[in-house]
Amino acid sequence: MVMNTLLIPHYIALMRLNKPVGIWLTFYPAAWAVALASPGAIDPMLIGLLLIGAVLMRSAGCVLNDITDRRLDGHVARTKDRPLAAGTLSLKQAYGCLFVLLALAFGLLFVLPHNPIWLALLVLPMVAAYPFMKRITWWPQMFLGLTFNTSALFGWYEAAGELPLEAFILYAACVFWTLGYDTIYALQDMEDDAKIGIKSTARRMGEHAHALIAVSYAAMVALWGVLIARWSVYDMALLAVVVLAVHLIWQWRMVRLDGEAVAARLFKSNATLGLVVFCLLMADRYELSHILR
């Protein structure tokens, strides 16, 4: 028991629970979807369940990533102290943690209103494949977006019981969002990644990474504009698009290809952006509910 207690901080680090930005970036697309798709008042229980799902799946993704990269992480300054790379947890312990997380996530599917097992079965192979993408493609950031933003599809399906075109427009917008902010994140590791042969959009684009970020963020805002134009929304949702545009332009202007501290700060700012947009969509939903009454 003493040993298990001593290992708790290492398990927390393995699951990145001490770095919750990734949880929020997984959760907010689902929360946005619920705010947009709910036919009436937003169900707080559903929001809570989707947050739990985001914690479990993001944690599982981090554990799987560390298992896959355990021989590489020690050569990267930012990741050399991760539990498997540093030897503070064993491979067996990591697999045990992964099993528990996936079992809990599978159980959660039966608690959600529409039991989206079919959608989970489509997503799970993508989660399993993601850690290998940085070895075989220059676009692992795009694959990350395609994988973890499926939370938007889960959120929409659980709120509305269907997946209309608008759900996929939101999904595509979030994919481009991830492509932009994860390219910024990858700027921190360019030198170390080059030494060990890890691929990324930051390395592929080089001095043109700034342009890729601009195109990605422009695509996100444009898709949000299309979504708002197609959906029954009010002033607060329109304001959300303005907030998105202003903040993402600020990020783009602040990016420095050699500024690790700036890259980390810009990446983390997306969690705050997600919260602000969610609050505006909640206000929009309240306005709609008030009008319907």
Protein backbone atom coordinates (compact mmCIF):
# COMPACT_ATOMS: atom_id res chain seq x y z
CA MET A 1 0.00 0.00 0.00
CA VAL A 2 2.88 2.35 0.80
CA MET A 3 4.45 1.57 -2.57
CA ASN A 4 1.17 2.23 -4.38
CA THR A 5 0.80 5.55 -2.57
CA LEU A 6 4.31 6.56 -3.55
CA LEU A 7 3.54 5.74 -7.18
CA ILE A 8 0.45 7.94 -7.38
CA PRO A 9 2.36 11.05 -8.59
CA HIS A 10 3.97 8.96 -11.33
CA TYR A 11 0.60 7.61 -12.49
CA ILE A 12 -0.73 11.18 -12.50
CA ALA A 13 2.21 12.20 -14.68
CA LEU A 14 1.71 9.17 -16.95
CA MET A 15 -1.92 10.17 -17.54
CA ARG A 16 -0.93 13.91 -17.72
CA LEU A 17 -3.54 14.76 -15.12
CA ASN A 18 -1.04 17.34 -13.89
CA LYS A 19 -1.28 19.00 -17.32
CA PRO A 20 -5.04 19.28 -17.91
CA VAL A 21 -4.96 21.49 -21.01
CA GLY A 22 -5.32 18.44 -23.24
CA ILE A 23 -8.41 17.36 -21.31
CA TRP A 24 -10.10 20.69 -21.96
CA LEU A 25 -9.12 20.64 -25.63
CA THR A 26 -10.75 17.21 -25.92
CA PHE A 27 -13.81 18.21 -23.91
CA TYR A 28 -14.79 21.57 -25.39
CA PRO A 29 -15.66 20.30 -28.90
CA ALA A 30 -18.12 17.91 -27.21
CA ALA A 31 -19.47 20.71 -25.01
CA TRP A 32 -19.86 23.01 -28.01
CA ALA A 33 -21.76 20.28 -29.81
CA VAL A 34 -24.15 19.81 -26.89
CA ALA A 35 -24.74 23.56 -26.66
CA LEU A 36 -25.55 23.74 -30.36
CA ALA A 37 -27.52 20.51 -30.79
CA SER A 38 -29.64 20.29 -27.63
CA PRO A 39 -33.32 20.65 -28.60
CA GLY A 40 -34.13 22.27 -25.25
CA ALA A 41 -32.27 23.10 -22.06
CA ILE A 42 -28.77 21.67 -21.83
CA ASP A 43 -28.53 18.60 -19.63
CA PRO A 44 -25.79 19.23 -17.02
CA MET A 45 -25.51 15.48 -16.40
CA LEU A 46 -24.61 14.96 -20.07
CA ILE A 47 -21.96 17.68 -19.86
CA GLY A 48 -20.52 15.98 -16.78
CA LEU A 49 -20.43 12.55 -18.43
CA LEU A 50 -18.71 13.95 -21.51
CA LEU A 51 -16.12 15.62 -19.28
CA ILE A 52 -15.45 12.28 -17.58
CA GLY A 53 -15.13 10.70 -21.02
CA ALA A 54 -12.64 13.36 -22.07
CA VAL A 55 -10.54 12.73 -18.94
CA LEU A 56 -10.54 8.96 -19.51
CA MET A 57 -9.79 9.00 -23.23
CA ARG A 58 -7.20 11.75 -23.12
CA SER A 59 -5.48 9.94 -20.25
CA ALA A 60 -5.62 6.65 -22.15
CA GLY A 61 -4.18 8.34 -25.22
CA CYS A 62 -1.29 9.75 -23.16
CA VAL A 63 -0.52 6.36 -21.61
CA LEU A 64 -0.58 4.65 -25.00
CA ASN A 65 1.60 7.38 -26.46
CA ASP A 66 4.17 6.97 -23.66
CA ILE A 67 4.20 3.19 -24.08
CA THR A 68 4.88 3.61 -27.79
CA ASP A 69 7.48 6.38 -27.34
CA ARG A 70 9.22 5.10 -24.22
CA ARG A 71 12.54 4.69 -26.07
CA LEU A 72 12.30 8.10 -27.75
CA ASP A 73 11.07 10.35 -24.94
CA GLY A 74 14.41 10.22 -23.14
CA HIS A 75 16.06 12.00 -26.09
CA VAL A 76 13.67 14.97 -26.04
CA ALA A 77 14.21 17.68 -23.41
CA ARG A 78 10.49 18.24 -22.84
CA THR A 79 9.67 14.52 -22.38
CA LYS A 80 12.77 12.97 -20.83
CA ASP A 81 11.23 12.97 -17.32
CA ARG A 82 8.06 11.10 -18.28
CA PRO A 83 7.56 8.03 -16.06
CA LEU A 84 8.39 5.34 -18.61
CA ALA A 85 11.33 7.23 -20.07
CA ALA A 86 12.69 7.95 -16.59
CA GLY A 87 11.99 4.43 -15.31
CA THR A 88 9.75 5.50 -12.42
CA LEU A 89 6.98 3.20 -13.72
CA SER A 90 7.32 -0.14 -15.45
CA LEU A 91 5.83 -1.12 -18.78
CA LYS A 92 3.57 -3.62 -16.96
CA GLN A 93 2.25 -0.86 -14.71
CA ALA A 94 1.57 1.36 -17.71
CA TYR A 95 -0.39 -1.39 -19.46
CA GLY A 96 -2.38 -1.96 -16.29
CA CYS A 97 -3.24 1.74 -16.11
CA LEU A 98 -4.28 1.72 -19.77
CA PHE A 99 -6.55 -1.29 -19.23
CA VAL A 100 -8.32 0.39 -16.30
CA LEU A 101 -8.85 3.62 -18.25
CA LEU A 102 -10.27 1.84 -21.29
CA ALA A 103 -12.51 -0.34 -19.13
CA LEU A 104 -13.93 2.75 -17.40
CA ALA A 105 -14.43 4.48 -20.75
CA PHE A 106 -16.23 1.43 -22.13
CA GLY A 107 -18.49 1.33 -19.09
CA LEU A 108 -19.29 5.02 -19.56
CA LEU A 109 -20.78 4.25 -22.97
CA PHE A 110 -23.65 2.40 -21.28
CA VAL A 111 -24.42 5.39 -19.06
CA LEU A 112 -24.69 7.87 -21.94
CA PRO A 113 -28.27 8.40 -23.22
CA HIS A 114 -27.81 6.86 -26.67
CA ASN A 115 -25.11 4.25 -25.87
CA PRO A 116 -22.79 5.24 -28.76
CA ILE A 117 -20.87 1.95 -28.85
CA TRP A 118 -20.79 1.94 -32.66
CA LEU A 119 -19.12 5.35 -32.70
CA ALA A 120 -16.59 4.27 -30.07
CA LEU A 121 -15.68 1.21 -32.13
CA LEU A 122 -14.93 3.49 -35.09
CA VAL A 123 -12.80 5.84 -33.00
CA LEU A 124 -10.78 3.31 -30.96
CA PRO A 125 -8.57 2.17 -33.90
CA MET A 126 -7.75 5.82 -34.59
CA VAL A 127 -6.71 6.32 -30.95
CA ALA A 128 -4.53 3.21 -31.17
CA ALA A 129 -2.91 4.36 -34.42
CA TYR A 130 -2.15 7.95 -33.42
CA PRO A 131 1.13 7.33 -31.53
CA PHE A 132 2.61 5.80 -34.69
CA MET A 133 1.65 8.64 -37.00
CA LYS A 134 4.69 10.75 -36.11
CA ARG A 135 6.82 7.93 -37.52
CA ILE A 136 5.05 7.48 -40.85
CA THR A 137 3.62 10.87 -41.85
CA TRP A 138 4.59 14.53 -41.68
CA TRP A 139 0.99 15.28 -40.62
CA PRO A 140 0.47 13.68 -37.20
CA GLN A 141 -1.17 16.93 -36.05
CA MET A 142 -3.91 16.43 -38.63
CA PHE A 143 -4.44 12.84 -37.49
CA LEU A 144 -4.63 14.03 -33.88
CA GLY A 145 -7.36 16.44 -34.91
CA LEU A 146 -9.29 13.74 -36.74
CA THR A 147 -9.04 11.45 -33.71
CA PHE A 148 -9.67 13.49 -30.60
CA ASN A 149 -12.23 15.88 -32.09
CA THR A 150 -14.56 12.94 -32.58
CA SER A 151 -15.68 14.12 -29.13
CA ALA A 152 -17.73 16.71 -31.07
CA LEU A 153 -19.56 13.86 -32.82
CA PHE A 154 -20.16 12.11 -29.49
CA GLY A 155 -21.52 15.32 -28.00
CA TRP A 156 -23.86 16.06 -30.90
CA TYR A 157 -25.13 12.48 -31.09
CA GLU A 158 -25.81 12.32 -27.36
CA ALA A 159 -27.60 15.68 -27.36
CA ALA A 160 -29.73 15.16 -30.47
CA GLY A 161 -29.75 11.41 -31.20
CA GLU A 162 -28.48 11.97 -34.74
CA LEU A 163 -25.51 13.26 -36.71
CA PRO A 164 -26.64 15.82 -39.31
CA LEU A 165 -24.33 17.68 -41.66
CA GLU A 166 -23.89 20.43 -39.08
CA ALA A 167 -22.24 17.96 -36.69
CA PHE A 168 -19.58 17.18 -39.30
CA ILE A 169 -19.07 20.87 -40.07
CA LEU A 170 -18.30 21.42 -36.37
CA TYR A 171 -16.03 18.37 -36.40
CA ALA A 172 -14.11 19.68 -39.42
CA ALA A 173 -13.77 23.11 -37.80
CA CYS A 174 -12.29 21.51 -34.68
CA VAL A 175 -9.89 19.41 -36.78
CA PHE A 176 -8.44 22.57 -38.31
CA TRP A 177 -8.29 24.15 -34.85
CA THR A 178 -6.17 21.23 -33.65
CA LEU A 179 -3.97 21.35 -36.73
CA GLY A 180 -3.19 24.97 -35.92
CA TYR A 181 -2.62 24.77 -32.18
CA ASP A 182 -0.75 21.45 -32.28
CA THR A 183 1.57 22.81 -34.96
CA ILE A 184 2.31 25.65 -32.52
CA TYR A 185 2.91 23.04 -29.81
CA ALA A 186 5.28 21.07 -32.08
CA LEU A 187 7.45 24.15 -32.56
CA GLN A 188 8.86 23.45 -29.08
CA ASP A 189 10.42 20.13 -30.15
CA MET A 190 11.70 20.81 -33.64
CA GLU A 191 15.41 20.39 -32.87
CA ASP A 192 15.02 17.25 -30.76
CA ASP A 193 12.51 15.76 -33.22
CA ALA A 194 14.96 16.27 -36.07
CA LYS A 195 17.69 14.41 -34.17
CA ILE A 196 15.57 11.30 -33.55
CA GLY A 197 13.56 11.32 -36.78
CA ILE A 198 10.14 12.30 -35.42
CA LYS A 199 7.92 13.96 -38.02
CA SER A 200 5.59 16.90 -37.48
CA THR A 201 3.88 19.65 -39.43
CA ALA A 202 6.22 22.13 -37.74
CA ARG A 203 9.26 20.32 -39.17
CA ARG A 204 7.62 19.70 -42.55
CA MET A 205 6.63 23.31 -43.07
CA GLY A 206 9.73 24.84 -41.48
CA GLU A 207 9.69 28.59 -42.00
CA HIS A 208 6.25 28.23 -43.62
CA ALA A 209 4.67 26.86 -40.42
CA HIS A 210 3.35 30.35 -39.78
CA ALA A 211 1.36 30.15 -43.03
CA LEU A 212 -0.02 26.71 -42.16
CA ILE A 213 -1.24 28.00 -38.81
CA ALA A 214 -2.93 30.94 -40.56
CA VAL A 215 -4.67 28.68 -43.09
CA SER A 216 -5.76 26.24 -40.37
CA TYR A 217 -7.24 28.94 -38.17
CA ALA A 218 -8.89 30.68 -41.13
CA ALA A 219 -10.51 27.37 -42.10
CA MET A 220 -11.81 26.92 -38.55
CA VAL A 221 -13.40 30.36 -38.45
CA ALA A 222 -14.87 29.94 -41.96
CA LEU A 223 -16.42 26.59 -41.03
CA TRP A 224 -17.87 28.11 -37.86
CA GLY A 225 -19.37 30.84 -40.03
CA VAL A 226 -20.99 28.21 -42.25
CA LEU A 227 -22.27 26.35 -39.19
CA ILE A 228 -23.81 29.44 -37.63
CA ALA A 229 -25.38 30.40 -40.96
CA ARG A 230 -27.04 26.97 -41.20
CA TRP A 231 -28.12 26.59 -37.58
CA SER A 232 -30.80 28.31 -35.52
CA VAL A 233 -28.73 30.56 -33.31
CA TYR A 234 -28.84 34.07 -31.93
CA ASP A 235 -26.53 36.95 -31.10
CA MET A 236 -24.32 35.12 -28.58
CA ALA A 237 -23.36 32.44 -31.09
CA LEU A 238 -22.44 35.10 -33.61
CA LEU A 239 -20.32 36.76 -30.94
CA ALA A 240 -18.62 33.40 -30.34
CA VAL A 241 -17.43 33.38 -33.95
CA VAL A 242 -16.05 36.91 -33.53
CA VAL A 243 -14.23 35.86 -30.35
CA LEU A 244 -12.78 32.84 -32.15
CA ALA A 245 -11.55 34.98 -35.02
CA VAL A 246 -9.99 37.68 -32.83
CA HIS A 247 -8.24 35.21 -30.53
CA LEU A 248 -6.88 33.03 -33.33
CA ILE A 249 -5.58 36.08 -35.19
CA TRP A 250 -3.83 37.11 -31.96
CA GLN A 251 -2.27 33.66 -31.68
CA TRP A 252 -1.08 33.77 -35.27
CA ARG A 253 0.51 37.19 -34.81
CA MET A 254 2.27 36.05 -31.63
CA VAL A 255 3.81 32.87 -33.06
CA ARG A 256 7.59 32.84 -33.17
CA LEU A 257 9.22 29.88 -34.86
CA ASP A 258 12.08 29.92 -32.33
CA GLY A 259 10.12 30.89 -29.22
CA GLU A 260 9.42 27.83 -27.09
CA ALA A 261 7.92 29.77 -24.19
CA VAL A 262 5.62 31.67 -26.53
CA ALA A 263 4.55 28.44 -28.25
CA ALA A 264 3.63 26.83 -24.93
CA ARG A 265 1.66 29.88 -23.80
CA LEU A 266 -0.26 30.15 -27.06
CA PHE A 267 -1.09 26.45 -27.01
CA LYS A 268 -2.48 26.68 -23.47
CA SER A 269 -4.56 29.75 -24.35
CA ASN A 270 -6.82 27.53 -26.45
CA ALA A 271 -8.32 26.03 -23.30
CA THR A 272 -9.44 29.49 -22.21
CA LEU A 273 -10.80 30.12 -25.69
CA GLY A 274 -12.80 26.90 -25.50
CA LEU A 275 -14.36 27.97 -22.21
CA VAL A 276 -15.31 31.43 -23.48
CA VAL A 277 -16.93 30.02 -26.63
CA PHE A 278 -18.82 27.44 -24.56
CA CYS A 279 -20.14 30.15 -22.23
CA LEU A 280 -21.32 32.22 -25.19
CA LEU A 281 -23.06 29.20 -26.72
CA MET A 282 -24.70 28.49 -23.37
CA ALA A 283 -25.95 32.08 -23.30
CA ASP A 284 -27.22 31.64 -26.84
CA ARG A 285 -29.06 28.47 -25.82
CA TYR A 286 -30.63 30.32 -22.89
CA GLU A 287 -31.79 33.05 -25.27
CA LEU A 288 -33.34 30.44 -27.56
CA SER A 289 -35.09 28.70 -24.67
CA HIS A 290 -36.44 32.05 -23.42
CA ILE A 291 -37.84 32.88 -26.86
CA LEU A 292 -39.47 29.44 -27.21
CA ARG A 293 -41.25 29.98 -23.89
